Amino acid sequence: TTNKAIDSIVSWRDTANAKTALVATTNAQLMIGDVTDATPSTNSVVFTNRVGALAAASVNSTYTNYDSLNNILIGSCNSASSGAVFKVTAYNANGAALGGSPPAADIVKQCNNFLFLSRNLSSATTQSKVYWSNVNDPETWTAANVLEFSKNDGEPVMALGSIGTDL
């Protein structure tokens, strides 16, 4: 994109297609470029807007967080502005809303074959909740898979991290 600031960027390995891609959000666009086939003489990567049917709020934020599970790249941001958690399933595919009715979240983290979502700033009752998917399935979310961390302390979850297999 010409003269646009990049809000976020991540390198992602699409193992199903043996490609490495750069995925960036900028100005409500989801830009994906194939690094594997970059022009060797110039090392240039051609980016294509793959926003597809995603709402602008899903990819229009300076706070976009990415992780992957089972060759699906998952991005999250802008929960307070109706941004949906989104997925990219191939380097040459459009982004789409993550299936299975995941909770709105700003943070995504894969750990021990679970996908975790947290930091929904749209309400004081959701800002400290951590949700997790079924094992090896980032598109199945059950009502029982939630924990509220430091409930009612006035502080939202700021980040998720992992050490080994522990979140």
N, C-alpha and C. Protein backbone atom coordinates (compact mmCIF):
# COMPACT_ATOMS: atom_id res chain seq x y z
N THR A 1 0.85 -1.17 0.00
CA THR A 1 0.00 0.00 0.00
C THR A 1 0.90 1.23 0.00
N THR A 2 0.65 2.14 -0.87
CA THR A 2 1.47 3.33 -0.99
C THR A 2 1.16 4.33 0.11
N ASN A 3 2.22 4.83 0.75
CA ASN A 3 2.12 5.89 1.76
C ASN A 3 1.16 5.56 2.90
N LYS A 4 1.14 4.35 3.35
CA LYS A 4 0.31 3.96 4.48
C LYS A 4 1.21 3.41 5.58
N ALA A 5 0.92 3.79 6.80
CA ALA A 5 1.68 3.25 7.92
C ALA A 5 1.22 1.84 8.22
N ILE A 6 2.15 0.98 8.56
CA ILE A 6 1.80 -0.39 8.96
C ILE A 6 1.43 -0.38 10.43
N ASP A 7 0.24 -0.90 10.75
CA ASP A 7 -0.20 -0.98 12.13
C ASP A 7 0.41 -2.19 12.84
N SER A 8 0.48 -3.31 12.13
CA SER A 8 1.05 -4.52 12.71
C SER A 8 1.59 -5.38 11.58
N ILE A 9 2.57 -6.22 11.90
CA ILE A 9 3.12 -7.13 10.90
C ILE A 9 3.63 -8.38 11.60
N VAL A 10 3.46 -9.53 10.93
CA VAL A 10 3.92 -10.79 11.49
C VAL A 10 4.36 -11.69 10.34
N SER A 11 5.33 -12.52 10.61
CA SER A 11 5.74 -13.55 9.66
C SER A 11 5.00 -14.83 10.03
N TRP A 12 4.45 -15.51 9.03
CA TRP A 12 3.66 -16.72 9.28
C TRP A 12 4.03 -17.79 8.27
N ARG A 13 4.21 -19.01 8.73
CA ARG A 13 4.54 -20.14 7.88
C ARG A 13 3.26 -20.91 7.56
N ASP A 14 2.85 -20.87 6.30
CA ASP A 14 1.71 -21.63 5.79
C ASP A 14 2.25 -23.00 5.40
N THR A 15 2.25 -23.93 6.34
CA THR A 15 2.87 -25.24 6.10
C THR A 15 2.13 -26.06 5.05
N ALA A 16 0.83 -25.88 4.94
CA ALA A 16 0.06 -26.64 3.95
C ALA A 16 0.49 -26.31 2.53
N ASN A 17 0.93 -25.08 2.29
CA ASN A 17 1.35 -24.66 0.95
C ASN A 17 2.85 -24.42 0.85
N ALA A 18 3.59 -24.76 1.91
CA ALA A 18 5.05 -24.59 1.95
C ALA A 18 5.45 -23.16 1.59
N LYS A 19 4.78 -22.19 2.21
CA LYS A 19 5.05 -20.78 1.96
C LYS A 19 5.26 -20.05 3.27
N THR A 20 6.10 -19.04 3.22
CA THR A 20 6.24 -18.12 4.33
C THR A 20 5.67 -16.79 3.86
N ALA A 21 4.82 -16.21 4.68
CA ALA A 21 4.15 -14.98 4.30
C ALA A 21 4.36 -13.91 5.36
N LEU A 22 4.34 -12.67 4.91
CA LEU A 22 4.25 -11.54 5.81
C LEU A 22 2.80 -11.10 5.81
N VAL A 23 2.25 -10.93 6.99
CA VAL A 23 0.86 -10.50 7.13
C VAL A 23 0.89 -9.18 7.88
N ALA A 24 0.28 -8.16 7.28
CA ALA A 24 0.29 -6.83 7.89
C ALA A 24 -1.10 -6.22 7.85
N THR A 25 -1.41 -5.41 8.85
CA THR A 25 -2.63 -4.63 8.82
C THR A 25 -2.24 -3.17 8.66
N THR A 26 -3.00 -2.48 7.83
CA THR A 26 -2.77 -1.07 7.59
C THR A 26 -4.03 -0.44 7.01
N ASN A 27 -4.48 0.61 7.63
CA ASN A 27 -5.61 1.38 7.10
C ASN A 27 -6.79 0.49 6.72
N ALA A 28 -7.22 -0.36 7.62
CA ALA A 28 -8.36 -1.27 7.43
C ALA A 28 -8.14 -2.27 6.29
N GLN A 29 -6.89 -2.60 6.02
CA GLN A 29 -6.57 -3.60 5.01
C GLN A 29 -5.75 -4.71 5.65
N LEU A 30 -5.94 -5.93 5.17
CA LEU A 30 -5.17 -7.08 5.61
C LEU A 30 -4.27 -7.45 4.43
N MET A 31 -3.02 -7.09 4.52
CA MET A 31 -2.09 -7.27 3.41
C MET A 31 -1.24 -8.53 3.65
N ILE A 32 -1.18 -9.40 2.63
CA ILE A 32 -0.39 -10.62 2.74
C ILE A 32 0.57 -10.70 1.56
N GLY A 33 1.83 -10.96 1.86
CA GLY A 33 2.84 -11.08 0.83
C GLY A 33 3.60 -12.38 0.97
N ASP A 34 3.85 -13.04 -0.14
CA ASP A 34 4.57 -14.32 -0.17
C ASP A 34 6.07 -14.05 -0.14
N VAL A 35 6.72 -14.37 0.97
CA VAL A 35 8.15 -14.17 1.11
C VAL A 35 8.92 -15.27 0.39
N THR A 36 8.37 -16.47 0.33
CA THR A 36 9.04 -17.61 -0.28
C THR A 36 9.38 -17.33 -1.73
N ASP A 37 8.48 -16.70 -2.46
CA ASP A 37 8.68 -16.43 -3.87
C ASP A 37 9.06 -14.98 -4.15
N ALA A 38 9.66 -14.31 -3.17
CA ALA A 38 10.07 -12.92 -3.38
C ALA A 38 11.10 -12.86 -4.51
N THR A 39 11.08 -11.78 -5.24
CA THR A 39 12.01 -11.60 -6.35
C THR A 39 13.43 -11.55 -5.82
N PRO A 40 14.28 -12.54 -6.17
CA PRO A 40 15.63 -12.62 -5.59
C PRO A 40 16.51 -11.40 -5.89
N SER A 41 16.39 -10.83 -7.07
CA SER A 41 17.28 -9.72 -7.41
C SER A 41 16.99 -8.45 -6.61
N THR A 42 15.77 -8.28 -6.18
CA THR A 42 15.42 -7.07 -5.43
C THR A 42 14.92 -7.36 -4.02
N ASN A 43 14.72 -8.63 -3.70
CA ASN A 43 14.16 -9.03 -2.41
C ASN A 43 12.82 -8.36 -2.14
N SER A 44 12.06 -8.06 -3.19
CA SER A 44 10.78 -7.42 -2.99
C SER A 44 9.66 -8.43 -2.81
N VAL A 45 8.73 -8.05 -2.00
CA VAL A 45 7.56 -8.87 -1.71
C VAL A 45 6.35 -8.11 -2.23
N VAL A 46 5.51 -8.78 -2.98
CA VAL A 46 4.28 -8.17 -3.48
C VAL A 46 3.16 -8.48 -2.50
N PHE A 47 2.55 -7.43 -1.99
CA PHE A 47 1.45 -7.58 -1.03
C PHE A 47 0.11 -7.46 -1.75
N THR A 48 -0.84 -8.27 -1.30
CA THR A 48 -2.20 -8.25 -1.83
C THR A 48 -3.16 -8.02 -0.67
N ASN A 49 -4.14 -7.16 -0.87
CA ASN A 49 -5.13 -6.92 0.16
C ASN A 49 -6.05 -8.13 0.24
N ARG A 50 -6.05 -8.82 1.36
CA ARG A 50 -6.84 -10.03 1.57
C ARG A 50 -7.89 -9.83 2.65
N VAL A 51 -8.38 -8.60 2.82
CA VAL A 51 -9.35 -8.33 3.87
C VAL A 51 -10.66 -9.08 3.63
N GLY A 52 -11.01 -9.34 2.37
CA GLY A 52 -12.21 -10.11 2.07
C GLY A 52 -13.44 -9.51 2.72
N ALA A 53 -14.22 -10.33 3.39
CA ALA A 53 -15.49 -9.89 3.99
C ALA A 53 -15.31 -9.41 5.43
N LEU A 54 -14.08 -9.29 5.91
CA LEU A 54 -13.87 -8.83 7.28
C LEU A 54 -14.32 -7.38 7.43
N ALA A 55 -14.90 -7.07 8.58
CA ALA A 55 -15.27 -5.70 8.88
C ALA A 55 -14.00 -4.88 9.10
N ALA A 56 -14.04 -3.62 8.73
CA ALA A 56 -12.88 -2.76 8.89
C ALA A 56 -12.37 -2.74 10.33
N ALA A 57 -13.27 -2.81 11.31
CA ALA A 57 -12.87 -2.77 12.71
C ALA A 57 -11.99 -3.96 13.09
N SER A 58 -12.10 -5.07 12.36
CA SER A 58 -11.31 -6.25 12.69
C SER A 58 -9.84 -6.10 12.35
N VAL A 59 -9.52 -5.22 11.40
CA VAL A 59 -8.12 -5.07 10.99
C VAL A 59 -7.65 -3.63 11.05
N ASN A 60 -8.39 -2.76 11.72
CA ASN A 60 -8.04 -1.35 11.77
C ASN A 60 -7.70 -0.96 13.20
N SER A 61 -6.49 -1.26 13.60
CA SER A 61 -6.06 -0.96 14.96
C SER A 61 -4.55 -1.00 15.04
N THR A 62 -3.99 -0.20 15.90
CA THR A 62 -2.55 -0.27 16.12
C THR A 62 -2.21 -1.41 17.06
N TYR A 63 -3.21 -2.05 17.62
CA TYR A 63 -3.00 -3.16 18.54
C TYR A 63 -3.59 -4.41 17.91
N THR A 64 -2.81 -5.09 17.09
CA THR A 64 -3.24 -6.36 16.52
C THR A 64 -2.30 -7.43 17.02
N ASN A 65 -2.86 -8.52 17.45
CA ASN A 65 -2.10 -9.60 18.04
C ASN A 65 -2.33 -10.86 17.23
N TYR A 66 -1.29 -11.65 16.98
CA TYR A 66 -1.38 -12.84 16.14
C TYR A 66 -0.81 -14.07 16.84
N ASP A 67 -1.35 -15.21 16.49
CA ASP A 67 -0.74 -16.50 16.82
C ASP A 67 -1.35 -17.52 15.88
N SER A 68 -0.86 -18.74 15.91
CA SER A 68 -1.41 -19.75 14.99
C SER A 68 -1.60 -21.08 15.71
N LEU A 69 -2.58 -21.82 15.21
CA LEU A 69 -2.86 -23.16 15.71
C LEU A 69 -3.37 -23.98 14.54
N ASN A 70 -2.77 -25.13 14.32
CA ASN A 70 -3.16 -26.04 13.23
C ASN A 70 -3.14 -25.34 11.86
N ASN A 71 -2.08 -24.62 11.60
CA ASN A 71 -1.87 -23.93 10.32
C ASN A 71 -2.91 -22.85 10.04
N ILE A 72 -3.57 -22.36 11.07
CA ILE A 72 -4.49 -21.24 10.92
C ILE A 72 -3.88 -20.06 11.66
N LEU A 73 -3.66 -18.96 10.95
CA LEU A 73 -3.19 -17.74 11.59
C LEU A 73 -4.41 -17.02 12.14
N ILE A 74 -4.35 -16.67 13.42
CA ILE A 74 -5.47 -16.00 14.07
C ILE A 74 -5.02 -14.62 14.49
N GLY A 75 -5.83 -13.62 14.21
CA GLY A 75 -5.54 -12.25 14.60
C GLY A 75 -6.68 -11.69 15.42
N SER A 76 -6.32 -10.82 16.35
CA SER A 76 -7.36 -10.19 17.18
C SER A 76 -6.96 -8.76 17.49
N CYS A 77 -7.97 -7.91 17.57
CA CYS A 77 -7.77 -6.51 17.96
C CYS A 77 -9.12 -5.83 18.04
N ASN A 78 -9.13 -4.67 18.63
CA ASN A 78 -10.28 -3.78 18.54
C ASN A 78 -11.58 -4.35 19.09
N SER A 79 -11.52 -5.12 20.16
CA SER A 79 -12.74 -5.71 20.71
C SER A 79 -13.73 -4.64 21.17
N ALA A 80 -13.23 -3.51 21.61
CA ALA A 80 -14.11 -2.44 22.07
C ALA A 80 -14.82 -1.75 20.91
N SER A 81 -14.36 -1.96 19.69
CA SER A 81 -14.97 -1.33 18.50
C SER A 81 -15.58 -2.37 17.58
N SER A 82 -16.07 -3.46 18.12
CA SER A 82 -16.75 -4.50 17.36
C SER A 82 -15.85 -5.24 16.38
N GLY A 83 -14.57 -5.28 16.64
CA GLY A 83 -13.66 -6.05 15.80
C GLY A 83 -13.82 -7.53 16.09
N ALA A 84 -13.91 -8.35 15.06
CA ALA A 84 -14.05 -9.79 15.23
C ALA A 84 -12.68 -10.46 15.17
N VAL A 85 -12.50 -11.52 15.94
CA VAL A 85 -11.29 -12.32 15.82
C VAL A 85 -11.30 -12.92 14.42
N PHE A 86 -10.17 -12.84 13.72
CA PHE A 86 -10.14 -13.28 12.33
C PHE A 86 -9.10 -14.36 12.10
N LYS A 87 -9.21 -15.03 10.95
CA LYS A 87 -8.28 -16.10 10.61
C LYS A 87 -7.82 -15.94 9.17
N VAL A 88 -6.65 -16.50 8.92
CA VAL A 88 -6.12 -16.64 7.57
C VAL A 88 -5.71 -18.10 7.45
N THR A 89 -6.25 -18.79 6.46
CA THR A 89 -5.99 -20.23 6.34
C THR A 89 -4.97 -20.58 5.26
N ALA A 90 -4.63 -19.63 4.41
CA ALA A 90 -3.61 -19.86 3.37
C ALA A 90 -3.03 -18.51 2.97
N TYR A 91 -1.78 -18.51 2.55
CA TYR A 91 -1.10 -17.27 2.20
C TYR A 91 -1.81 -16.52 1.06
N ASN A 92 -2.56 -17.23 0.24
CA ASN A 92 -3.23 -16.61 -0.90
C ASN A 92 -4.76 -16.57 -0.73
N ALA A 93 -5.22 -16.68 0.52
CA ALA A 93 -6.66 -16.67 0.81
C ALA A 93 -7.04 -15.38 1.53
N ASN A 94 -8.28 -14.98 1.41
CA ASN A 94 -8.78 -13.83 2.14
C ASN A 94 -8.95 -14.17 3.61
N GLY A 95 -8.84 -13.14 4.45
CA GLY A 95 -9.14 -13.31 5.85
C GLY A 95 -10.63 -13.54 6.03
N ALA A 96 -10.99 -14.13 7.14
CA ALA A 96 -12.40 -14.40 7.45
C ALA A 96 -12.56 -14.38 8.96
N ALA A 97 -13.79 -14.19 9.41
CA ALA A 97 -14.05 -14.26 10.84
C ALA A 97 -13.76 -15.67 11.34
N LEU A 98 -13.13 -15.78 12.50
CA LEU A 98 -12.88 -17.09 13.10
C LEU A 98 -14.20 -17.74 13.42
N GLY A 99 -14.37 -18.98 13.05
CA GLY A 99 -15.63 -19.70 13.25
C GLY A 99 -15.84 -20.12 14.69
N GLY A 100 -17.04 -20.60 14.97
CA GLY A 100 -17.36 -21.15 16.28
C GLY A 100 -17.75 -20.14 17.33
N SER A 101 -18.06 -18.92 16.97
CA SER A 101 -18.48 -17.87 17.91
C SER A 101 -17.47 -17.62 19.01
N PRO A 102 -16.22 -17.29 18.67
CA PRO A 102 -15.25 -16.97 19.71
C PRO A 102 -15.61 -15.65 20.39
N PRO A 103 -15.18 -15.45 21.62
CA PRO A 103 -15.45 -14.18 22.29
C PRO A 103 -14.63 -13.06 21.64
N ALA A 104 -15.13 -11.84 21.73
CA ALA A 104 -14.36 -10.69 21.26
C ALA A 104 -13.13 -10.55 22.15
N ALA A 105 -11.99 -10.22 21.55
CA ALA A 105 -10.75 -10.15 22.31
C ALA A 105 -9.72 -9.31 21.58
N ASP A 106 -8.77 -8.79 22.33
CA ASP A 106 -7.64 -8.07 21.75
C ASP A 106 -6.37 -8.92 21.74
N ILE A 107 -6.33 -9.96 22.54
CA ILE A 107 -5.13 -10.77 22.68
C ILE A 107 -5.43 -12.21 22.28
N VAL A 108 -4.54 -12.79 21.48
CA VAL A 108 -4.63 -14.20 21.10
C VAL A 108 -3.30 -14.86 21.44
N LYS A 109 -3.37 -16.06 21.99
CA LYS A 109 -2.15 -16.79 22.35
C LYS A 109 -2.42 -18.28 22.22
N GLN A 110 -1.54 -18.97 21.52
CA GLN A 110 -1.61 -20.43 21.41
C GLN A 110 -0.66 -21.02 22.44
N CYS A 111 -1.13 -21.97 23.20
CA CYS A 111 -0.29 -22.63 24.19
C CYS A 111 -0.80 -24.05 24.40
N ASN A 112 0.08 -25.01 24.29
CA ASN A 112 -0.23 -26.41 24.57
C ASN A 112 -1.45 -26.90 23.76
N ASN A 113 -1.51 -26.49 22.49
CA ASN A 113 -2.56 -26.90 21.55
C ASN A 113 -3.95 -26.35 21.88
N PHE A 114 -4.00 -25.30 22.65
CA PHE A 114 -5.24 -24.55 22.90
C PHE A 114 -5.04 -23.13 22.38
N LEU A 115 -6.12 -22.49 21.96
CA LEU A 115 -6.06 -21.09 21.61
C LEU A 115 -6.72 -20.31 22.75
N PHE A 116 -6.04 -19.29 23.22
CA PHE A 116 -6.55 -18.46 24.31
C PHE A 116 -6.88 -17.07 23.76
N LEU A 117 -7.98 -16.50 24.20
CA LEU A 117 -8.39 -15.15 23.85
C LEU A 117 -8.65 -14.38 25.13
N SER A 118 -8.25 -13.10 25.14
CA SER A 118 -8.46 -12.30 26.34
C SER A 118 -8.47 -10.81 25.97
N ARG A 119 -8.80 -9.99 26.96
CA ARG A 119 -8.78 -8.53 26.88
C ARG A 119 -9.91 -8.00 25.99
N ASN A 120 -11.11 -8.13 26.46
CA ASN A 120 -12.25 -7.51 25.79
C ASN A 120 -12.57 -6.24 26.57
N LEU A 121 -12.22 -5.09 26.01
CA LEU A 121 -12.36 -3.83 26.71
C LEU A 121 -13.73 -3.17 26.52
N SER A 122 -14.66 -3.87 25.91
CA SER A 122 -15.98 -3.27 25.68
C SER A 122 -16.80 -3.17 26.96
N SER A 123 -16.38 -3.87 28.01
CA SER A 123 -17.11 -3.85 29.27
C SER A 123 -16.17 -4.18 30.43
N ALA A 124 -16.43 -3.60 31.58
CA ALA A 124 -15.64 -3.91 32.77
C ALA A 124 -15.80 -5.36 33.18
N THR A 125 -16.90 -6.00 32.79
CA THR A 125 -17.14 -7.39 33.17
C THR A 125 -16.39 -8.38 32.28
N THR A 126 -15.80 -7.92 31.18
CA THR A 126 -15.10 -8.84 30.27
C THR A 126 -13.61 -8.55 30.15
N GLN A 127 -13.13 -7.47 30.72
CA GLN A 127 -11.74 -7.07 30.50
C GLN A 127 -10.70 -7.97 31.18
N SER A 128 -11.11 -8.78 32.13
CA SER A 128 -10.17 -9.65 32.84
C SER A 128 -10.43 -11.13 32.60
N LYS A 129 -11.25 -11.44 31.59
CA LYS A 129 -11.56 -12.84 31.32
C LYS A 129 -10.58 -13.43 30.31
N VAL A 130 -10.25 -14.70 30.53
CA VAL A 130 -9.41 -15.47 29.61
C VAL A 130 -10.25 -16.66 29.16
N TYR A 131 -10.40 -16.80 27.84
CA TYR A 131 -11.19 -17.88 27.25
C TYR A 131 -10.25 -18.82 26.52
N TRP A 132 -10.62 -20.10 26.42
CA TRP A 132 -9.81 -21.03 25.63
C TRP A 132 -10.70 -21.93 24.80
N SER A 133 -10.14 -22.33 23.66
CA SER A 133 -10.85 -23.19 22.70
C SER A 133 -10.72 -24.65 23.13
N ASN A 134 -11.38 -25.50 22.39
CA ASN A 134 -11.13 -26.94 22.56
C ASN A 134 -9.71 -27.25 22.10
N VAL A 135 -9.16 -28.33 22.57
CA VAL A 135 -7.80 -28.71 22.20
C VAL A 135 -7.70 -28.93 20.68
N ASN A 136 -6.66 -28.38 20.08
CA ASN A 136 -6.39 -28.49 18.64
C ASN A 136 -7.52 -27.97 17.75
N ASP A 137 -8.40 -27.15 18.29
CA ASP A 137 -9.54 -26.68 17.52
C ASP A 137 -9.83 -25.21 17.84
N PRO A 138 -9.24 -24.27 17.10
CA PRO A 138 -9.44 -22.86 17.40
C PRO A 138 -10.83 -22.34 17.04
N GLU A 139 -11.69 -23.22 16.51
CA GLU A 139 -13.03 -22.76 16.12
C GLU A 139 -14.15 -23.44 16.92
N THR A 140 -13.80 -23.98 18.10
CA THR A 140 -14.82 -24.51 19.01
C THR A 140 -14.62 -23.85 20.37
N TRP A 141 -15.65 -23.12 20.80
CA TRP A 141 -15.62 -22.37 22.06
C TRP A 141 -16.84 -22.77 22.89
N THR A 142 -16.59 -23.26 24.11
CA THR A 142 -17.69 -23.64 24.98
C THR A 142 -17.81 -22.64 26.13
N ALA A 143 -19.01 -22.50 26.65
CA ALA A 143 -19.28 -21.52 27.71
C ALA A 143 -18.48 -21.80 28.98
N ALA A 144 -18.12 -23.04 29.22
CA ALA A 144 -17.40 -23.39 30.45
C ALA A 144 -15.91 -23.05 30.38
N ASN A 145 -15.37 -22.79 29.19
CA ASN A 145 -13.93 -22.55 29.03
C ASN A 145 -13.59 -21.08 29.21
N VAL A 146 -13.74 -20.60 30.44
CA VAL A 146 -13.43 -19.21 30.75
C VAL A 146 -12.98 -19.10 32.21
N LEU A 147 -12.05 -18.19 32.44
CA LEU A 147 -11.55 -17.92 33.79
C LEU A 147 -11.42 -16.41 33.92
N GLU A 148 -11.85 -15.86 35.05
CA GLU A 148 -11.68 -14.43 35.27
C GLU A 148 -10.50 -14.23 36.19
N PHE A 149 -9.53 -13.48 35.71
CA PHE A 149 -8.28 -13.26 36.43
C PHE A 149 -8.36 -11.95 37.21
N SER A 150 -8.13 -11.99 38.50
CA SER A 150 -8.18 -10.80 39.37
C SER A 150 -9.45 -10.00 39.14
N LYS A 151 -10.55 -10.67 39.33
CA LYS A 151 -11.88 -10.09 39.10
C LYS A 151 -12.08 -8.81 39.92
N ASN A 152 -12.66 -7.81 39.28
CA ASN A 152 -13.02 -6.54 39.90
C ASN A 152 -11.85 -5.75 40.48
N ASP A 153 -10.64 -5.94 39.96
CA ASP A 153 -9.53 -5.13 40.44
C ASP A 153 -9.35 -3.86 39.61
N GLY A 154 -10.16 -3.69 38.57
CA GLY A 154 -10.10 -2.49 37.75
C GLY A 154 -9.03 -2.51 36.68
N GLU A 155 -8.26 -3.56 36.62
CA GLU A 155 -7.17 -3.65 35.65
C GLU A 155 -7.48 -4.72 34.61
N PRO A 156 -7.42 -4.37 33.31
CA PRO A 156 -7.64 -5.39 32.28
C PRO A 156 -6.41 -6.28 32.11
N VAL A 157 -6.61 -7.43 31.52
CA VAL A 157 -5.49 -8.28 31.13
C VAL A 157 -4.67 -7.49 30.11
N MET A 158 -3.37 -7.46 30.25
CA MET A 158 -2.52 -6.67 29.34
C MET A 158 -1.79 -7.56 28.33
N ALA A 159 -1.54 -8.81 28.67
CA ALA A 159 -0.81 -9.70 27.77
C ALA A 159 -0.98 -11.14 28.23
N LEU A 160 -0.75 -12.07 27.33
CA LEU A 160 -0.68 -13.48 27.67
C LEU A 160 0.68 -13.98 27.21
N GLY A 161 1.26 -14.87 27.97
CA GLY A 161 2.54 -15.46 27.61
C GLY A 161 2.55 -16.92 28.02
N SER A 162 3.59 -17.61 27.61
CA SER A 162 3.68 -19.02 27.98
C SER A 162 5.12 -19.38 28.29
N ILE A 163 5.25 -20.34 29.19
CA ILE A 163 6.53 -20.97 29.50
C ILE A 163 6.30 -22.46 29.34
N GLY A 164 6.94 -23.04 28.33
CA GLY A 164 6.72 -24.45 28.03
C GLY A 164 5.26 -24.67 27.65
N THR A 165 4.60 -25.55 28.38
CA THR A 165 3.20 -25.84 28.08
C THR A 165 2.23 -25.11 29.01
N ASP A 166 2.73 -24.15 29.78
CA ASP A 166 1.90 -23.40 30.72
C ASP A 166 1.64 -21.99 30.22
N LEU A 167 0.37 -21.57 30.31
CA LEU A 167 0.00 -20.21 29.95
C LEU A 167 0.37 -19.28 31.08
